[in-house]
Amino acid sequence: MAQRPVEDMDISLLAAPARGGVVDVPGQERLVAKIFRAPCRPDQSEHLRQLIALPHLMGASDRDIVTSGSCWPLAVLTDGDGAVVGCLLPKAPAKFLVDLTAPSGRSVVRYLEIDWLANPDAVLEKRGLPAQSLRSRTEVCRGLAAVAAVLERHGLVYSDWSYSNSFWSSEDCSAYVIDIDGCVPASGPNLHQPGWEDPLTSSGDDADTYVDRYRFALLVARCLTGRRRAEHVMSAVRDGTELDASPDLRDMLLRMLLSPARRERPSIQQLLGVLRASC
């Protein structure tokens, strides 16, 4: 089902920070407002407006995927001068909230970031989360890959596939991708996070679909194996027993992570197909 149209909003209507942050929208319990650290340049504003309009141009299947599985931006926020200073987003569903046991032993409620799935079961159970079978881990990754494949199919580059930009539910193994508003067409800023560097792309080069393929495959491999350090992940995918039941998935991940040339990396759609056939 498509999102209902949401009108652009003047930031003066919100109790919003001057720059940077996410706040509730008065009278709209299903929306939040994301305030950017700096106003958008004209080209950035145009890209954001095109992104907001894109689901209405998609086929029904793609539109349903991004509506249920991502916080796709719905409208822009403007200031008194008409500059775009943020966007309105759907609030992540409550099923992605969880009670976590903090190191102090105190219970805290927060969104369950994909970061937690890149851990062995012993770590999850210590923090009050249930152990996750390979089947459950694969199901979460299918949800992530469905959204990532739509982005790829429509020529969008996400760049920032990492630990903190998706949520997951330990109850139904669904996933929810956030920060979609940062997507750009074709290529854009190469957002560097320690441990997510593409070995075949210079740090000075823009991110493109081939960078996305590497980073997304690394995220999936970390979630499936419960390993974090890149060398441990590679070893687990190549030589470990975690993926013995899914040899095609192992082969696909190795091709995406270890291909000698960027353009030889399989697409995220191909990875999604293997994930759907696994477990």
Protein backbone atom coordinates (compact mmCIF):
# COMPACT_ATOMS: atom_id res chain seq x y z
CA MET A 1 0.00 0.00 0.00
CA ALA A 2 1.38 3.45 -0.91
CA GLN A 3 1.95 6.09 1.71
CA ARG A 4 -0.70 8.79 1.87
CA PRO A 5 0.64 12.10 0.47
CA VAL A 6 2.27 14.34 3.08
CA GLU A 7 2.60 18.08 2.53
CA ASP A 8 5.86 19.98 2.90
CA MET A 9 6.21 21.69 6.28
CA ASP A 10 7.79 24.89 7.58
CA ILE A 11 10.29 24.10 10.31
CA SER A 12 8.90 26.94 12.43
CA LEU A 13 5.93 24.67 13.20
CA LEU A 14 8.20 22.26 15.06
CA ALA A 15 9.99 22.38 18.39
CA ALA A 16 13.14 21.54 16.47
CA PRO A 17 16.85 21.94 17.18
CA ALA A 18 18.66 24.54 15.12
CA ARG A 19 20.61 21.91 13.21
CA GLY A 20 20.73 18.15 13.34
CA GLY A 21 18.37 15.73 15.07
CA VAL A 22 15.07 13.90 14.87
CA VAL A 23 11.92 15.21 16.58
CA ASP A 24 8.25 14.28 16.80
CA VAL A 25 5.70 16.08 14.63
CA PRO A 26 2.82 17.62 16.64
CA GLY A 27 -0.47 15.90 15.89
CA GLN A 28 1.21 13.26 13.70
CA GLU A 29 2.06 10.22 15.78
CA ARG A 30 3.23 8.24 12.77
CA LEU A 31 5.68 10.89 11.53
CA VAL A 32 9.02 12.27 12.68
CA ALA A 33 11.00 15.23 11.38
CA LYS A 34 14.68 14.89 10.56
CA ILE A 35 16.61 18.16 10.74
CA PHE A 36 19.79 18.29 8.66
CA ARG A 37 23.03 19.72 10.03
CA ALA A 38 23.10 22.26 7.20
CA PRO A 39 20.55 23.47 4.61
CA CYS A 40 20.55 21.56 1.33
CA ARG A 41 22.23 22.96 -1.73
CA PRO A 42 19.86 23.41 -4.68
CA ASP A 43 21.03 20.16 -6.30
CA GLN A 44 20.58 18.29 -3.02
CA SER A 45 17.09 19.72 -2.62
CA GLU A 46 16.19 18.57 -6.12
CA HIS A 47 17.55 15.07 -5.45
CA LEU A 48 15.54 14.85 -2.23
CA ARG A 49 12.32 15.93 -3.93
CA GLN A 50 12.92 13.35 -6.68
CA LEU A 51 13.48 10.70 -4.02
CA ILE A 52 10.23 11.64 -2.28
CA ALA A 53 8.34 11.32 -5.57
CA LEU A 54 9.98 8.05 -6.66
CA PRO A 55 7.71 5.51 -4.86
CA HIS A 56 4.71 6.93 -6.75
CA LEU A 57 6.53 6.07 -9.99
CA MET A 58 7.50 2.54 -8.91
CA GLY A 59 5.63 -0.64 -9.63
CA ALA A 60 3.39 -1.89 -6.83
CA SER A 61 5.85 -4.55 -5.64
CA ASP A 62 8.78 -2.16 -5.24
CA ARG A 63 6.55 0.46 -3.65
CA ASP A 64 5.25 -2.03 -1.09
CA ILE A 65 8.81 -3.11 -0.23
CA VAL A 66 10.05 0.41 0.49
CA THR A 67 6.85 1.43 2.28
CA SER A 68 6.97 -1.47 4.74
CA GLY A 69 10.74 -1.93 4.94
CA SER A 70 12.22 1.56 5.03
CA CYS A 71 11.72 5.09 6.34
CA TRP A 72 11.40 6.54 2.85
CA PRO A 73 11.15 10.36 3.05
CA LEU A 74 7.64 11.72 2.59
CA ALA A 75 8.06 15.51 2.34
CA VAL A 76 10.61 18.28 2.83
CA LEU A 77 11.06 20.70 5.69
CA THR A 78 11.77 24.29 4.73
CA ASP A 79 12.85 27.40 6.61
CA GLY A 80 11.56 30.94 6.28
CA ASP A 81 13.69 31.51 3.19
CA GLY A 82 12.38 28.41 1.46
CA ALA A 83 15.61 26.44 1.86
CA VAL A 84 15.25 22.70 2.46
CA VAL A 85 16.51 22.02 5.98
CA GLY A 86 15.16 18.53 6.63
CA CYS A 87 12.49 16.02 5.75
CA LEU A 88 9.44 14.28 7.18
CA LEU A 89 9.77 10.52 7.68
CA PRO A 90 7.52 7.70 8.78
CA LYS A 91 8.23 6.68 12.37
CA ALA A 92 9.79 3.22 12.60
CA PRO A 93 7.19 0.65 13.73
CA ALA A 94 7.11 -0.19 17.42
CA LYS A 95 7.95 -3.83 16.72
CA PHE A 96 11.55 -2.74 16.23
CA LEU A 97 11.73 -1.44 19.81
CA VAL A 98 13.19 -3.82 22.37
CA ASP A 99 14.13 -3.98 26.05
CA LEU A 100 17.90 -4.35 26.21
CA THR A 101 19.93 -5.13 29.29
CA ALA A 102 22.59 -2.43 29.64
CA PRO A 103 26.07 -3.36 30.98
CA SER A 104 24.94 -1.86 34.29
CA GLY A 105 22.08 -4.36 34.39
CA ARG A 106 19.47 -1.65 33.83
CA SER A 107 16.75 -2.23 31.23
CA VAL A 108 16.64 0.29 28.37
CA VAL A 109 14.12 0.54 25.52
CA ARG A 110 15.54 1.40 22.12
CA TYR A 111 15.36 0.49 18.48
CA LEU A 112 17.18 -2.77 17.80
CA GLU A 113 19.95 -1.82 15.37
CA ILE A 114 21.30 -4.37 12.92
CA ASP A 115 24.56 -4.01 14.83
CA TRP A 116 23.26 -6.54 17.36
CA LEU A 117 22.81 -9.28 14.78
CA ALA A 118 26.52 -9.11 13.95
CA ASN A 119 27.24 -10.87 17.24
CA PRO A 120 27.34 -14.49 18.40
CA ASP A 121 24.38 -15.84 20.31
CA ALA A 122 26.23 -15.63 23.63
CA VAL A 123 26.45 -11.83 23.29
CA LEU A 124 22.77 -11.54 22.34
CA GLU A 125 21.62 -13.64 25.29
CA LYS A 126 23.78 -11.66 27.71
CA ARG A 127 21.91 -8.51 26.69
CA GLY A 128 18.46 -10.09 26.96
CA LEU A 129 17.99 -10.98 23.28
CA PRO A 130 17.10 -14.46 22.02
CA ALA A 131 19.67 -16.58 20.20
CA GLN A 132 19.29 -16.42 16.42
CA SER A 133 19.41 -19.46 14.16
CA LEU A 134 20.89 -19.28 10.67
CA ARG A 135 17.32 -19.40 9.38
CA SER A 136 16.36 -16.33 11.45
CA ARG A 137 19.50 -14.45 10.46
CA THR A 138 18.86 -15.26 6.81
CA GLU A 139 15.27 -14.00 7.05
CA VAL A 140 16.44 -10.65 8.44
CA CYS A 141 18.98 -10.37 5.63
CA ARG A 142 16.26 -11.09 3.06
CA GLY A 143 14.34 -8.08 4.31
CA LEU A 144 17.41 -5.86 4.10
CA ALA A 145 18.28 -7.16 0.64
CA ALA A 146 14.76 -6.57 -0.67
CA VAL A 147 15.08 -2.86 0.10
CA ALA A 148 18.69 -2.68 -1.10
CA ALA A 149 17.72 -4.35 -4.39
CA VAL A 150 14.99 -1.75 -4.99
CA LEU A 151 17.55 1.03 -4.45
CA GLU A 152 19.95 -0.63 -6.85
CA ARG A 153 17.20 -1.26 -9.41
CA HIS A 154 16.30 2.43 -9.44
CA GLY A 155 19.90 3.62 -9.76
CA LEU A 156 20.26 4.89 -6.19
CA VAL A 157 23.45 4.69 -4.16
CA TYR A 158 23.12 4.31 -0.39
CA SER A 159 26.86 4.23 0.46
CA ASP A 160 26.40 4.04 4.24
CA TRP A 161 25.61 0.34 4.70
CA SER A 162 26.90 -0.25 8.22
CA TYR A 163 25.88 -1.27 11.72
CA SER A 164 23.57 1.59 12.67
CA ASN A 165 21.43 2.28 9.60
CA SER A 166 18.89 -0.53 9.86
CA PHE A 167 16.64 -2.01 12.53
CA TRP A 168 15.45 -5.60 12.92
CA SER A 169 12.88 -7.49 14.92
CA SER A 170 13.87 -10.59 16.86
CA GLU A 171 10.19 -11.58 16.94
CA ASP A 172 9.32 -11.82 13.25
CA CYS A 173 12.81 -11.40 11.70
CA SER A 174 11.73 -8.36 9.67
CA ALA A 175 14.08 -5.48 8.86
CA TYR A 176 13.74 -1.72 8.41
CA VAL A 177 16.27 0.47 6.59
CA ILE A 178 16.70 4.06 7.77
CA ASP A 179 18.52 7.14 6.39
CA ILE A 180 17.10 6.60 2.90
CA ASP A 181 17.08 10.38 2.50
CA GLY A 182 20.86 10.23 2.00
CA CYS A 183 20.57 8.19 -1.21
CA VAL A 184 21.89 9.78 -4.38
CA PRO A 185 21.49 8.86 -8.08
CA ALA A 186 24.36 6.97 -9.72
CA SER A 187 27.21 8.06 -7.43
CA GLY A 188 27.87 10.27 -4.44
CA PRO A 189 29.93 10.87 -1.31
CA ASN A 190 31.86 7.82 -0.15
CA LEU A 191 30.78 7.66 3.49
CA HIS A 192 33.65 6.06 5.35
CA GLN A 193 33.07 3.99 8.47
CA PRO A 194 35.95 2.08 10.09
CA GLY A 195 35.82 -1.55 9.04
CA TRP A 196 33.62 -0.91 5.99
CA GLU A 197 36.28 0.24 3.51
CA ASP A 198 35.96 -1.14 -0.01
CA PRO A 199 39.45 -2.52 -0.84
CA LEU A 200 38.97 -1.85 -4.57
CA THR A 201 37.79 1.76 -4.27
CA SER A 202 40.10 4.66 -3.44
CA SER A 203 39.08 6.72 -0.41
CA GLY A 204 38.96 9.77 -2.67
CA ASP A 205 36.54 8.24 -5.17
CA ASP A 206 32.77 8.56 -5.01
CA ALA A 207 30.63 5.65 -3.89
CA ASP A 208 28.66 3.87 -6.60
CA THR A 209 26.65 0.69 -7.02
CA TYR A 210 29.82 -1.45 -6.82
CA VAL A 211 30.75 0.06 -3.45
CA ASP A 212 27.20 -0.61 -2.28
CA ARG A 213 27.46 -4.22 -3.40
CA TYR A 214 30.64 -4.77 -1.38
CA ARG A 215 29.42 -3.04 1.77
CA PHE A 216 26.02 -4.69 1.66
CA ALA A 217 27.57 -8.14 1.19
CA LEU A 218 29.85 -7.46 4.16
CA LEU A 219 26.85 -6.45 6.28
CA VAL A 220 25.00 -9.65 5.33
CA ALA A 221 28.08 -11.78 6.03
CA ARG A 222 28.47 -10.19 9.45
CA CYS A 223 24.81 -10.78 10.29
CA LEU A 224 24.88 -14.40 9.12
CA THR A 225 28.10 -15.38 10.89
CA GLY A 226 27.84 -13.25 14.03
CA ARG A 227 31.40 -12.06 13.41
CA ARG A 228 32.54 -8.44 13.33
CA ARG A 229 36.21 -8.06 12.35
CA ALA A 230 36.49 -8.20 8.56
CA GLU A 231 39.20 -10.88 8.58
CA HIS A 232 37.11 -13.06 10.93
CA VAL A 233 34.06 -12.60 8.71
CA MET A 234 35.98 -13.60 5.59
CA SER A 235 37.40 -16.65 7.35
CA ALA A 236 33.96 -17.68 8.61
CA VAL A 237 32.36 -17.34 5.18
CA ARG A 238 35.18 -19.12 3.39
CA ASP A 239 36.17 -21.85 5.87
CA GLY A 240 33.65 -21.86 8.72
CA THR A 241 30.72 -24.17 9.24
CA GLU A 242 28.04 -21.48 9.59
CA LEU A 243 27.09 -21.57 5.89
CA ASP A 244 27.61 -25.29 5.22
CA ALA A 245 23.85 -25.64 4.70
CA SER A 246 23.85 -22.81 2.13
CA PRO A 247 26.77 -23.36 -0.27
CA ASP A 248 25.24 -21.11 -2.96
CA LEU A 249 24.97 -18.29 -0.45
CA ARG A 250 28.57 -18.80 0.60
CA ASP A 251 29.69 -18.67 -3.03
CA MET A 252 27.67 -15.51 -3.74
CA LEU A 253 29.11 -13.67 -0.73
CA LEU A 254 32.66 -14.66 -1.64
CA ARG A 255 32.15 -13.39 -5.18
CA MET A 256 30.82 -10.06 -3.91
CA LEU A 257 33.56 -9.66 -1.31
CA LEU A 258 36.61 -11.10 -3.08
CA SER A 259 36.12 -10.48 -6.81
CA PRO A 260 39.37 -9.04 -8.23
CA ALA A 261 37.48 -6.33 -10.14
CA ARG A 262 34.67 -4.10 -8.91
CA ARG A 263 32.49 -4.70 -11.96
CA GLU A 264 32.64 -8.47 -11.42
CA ARG A 265 30.69 -8.16 -8.17
CA PRO A 266 27.25 -9.77 -8.48
CA SER A 267 24.24 -7.50 -7.99
CA ILE A 268 22.27 -7.21 -4.78
CA GLN A 269 19.30 -8.64 -6.69
CA GLN A 270 21.36 -11.77 -7.34
CA LEU A 271 22.23 -11.98 -3.64
CA LEU A 272 18.54 -11.56 -2.78
CA GLY A 273 17.66 -14.46 -5.05
CA VAL A 274 20.13 -16.73 -3.26
CA LEU A 275 18.95 -15.55 0.16
CA ARG A 276 15.36 -16.39 -0.81
CA ALA A 277 16.43 -19.89 -1.84
CA SER A 278 18.45 -20.52 1.33
CA CYS A 279 17.34 -22.13 4.60
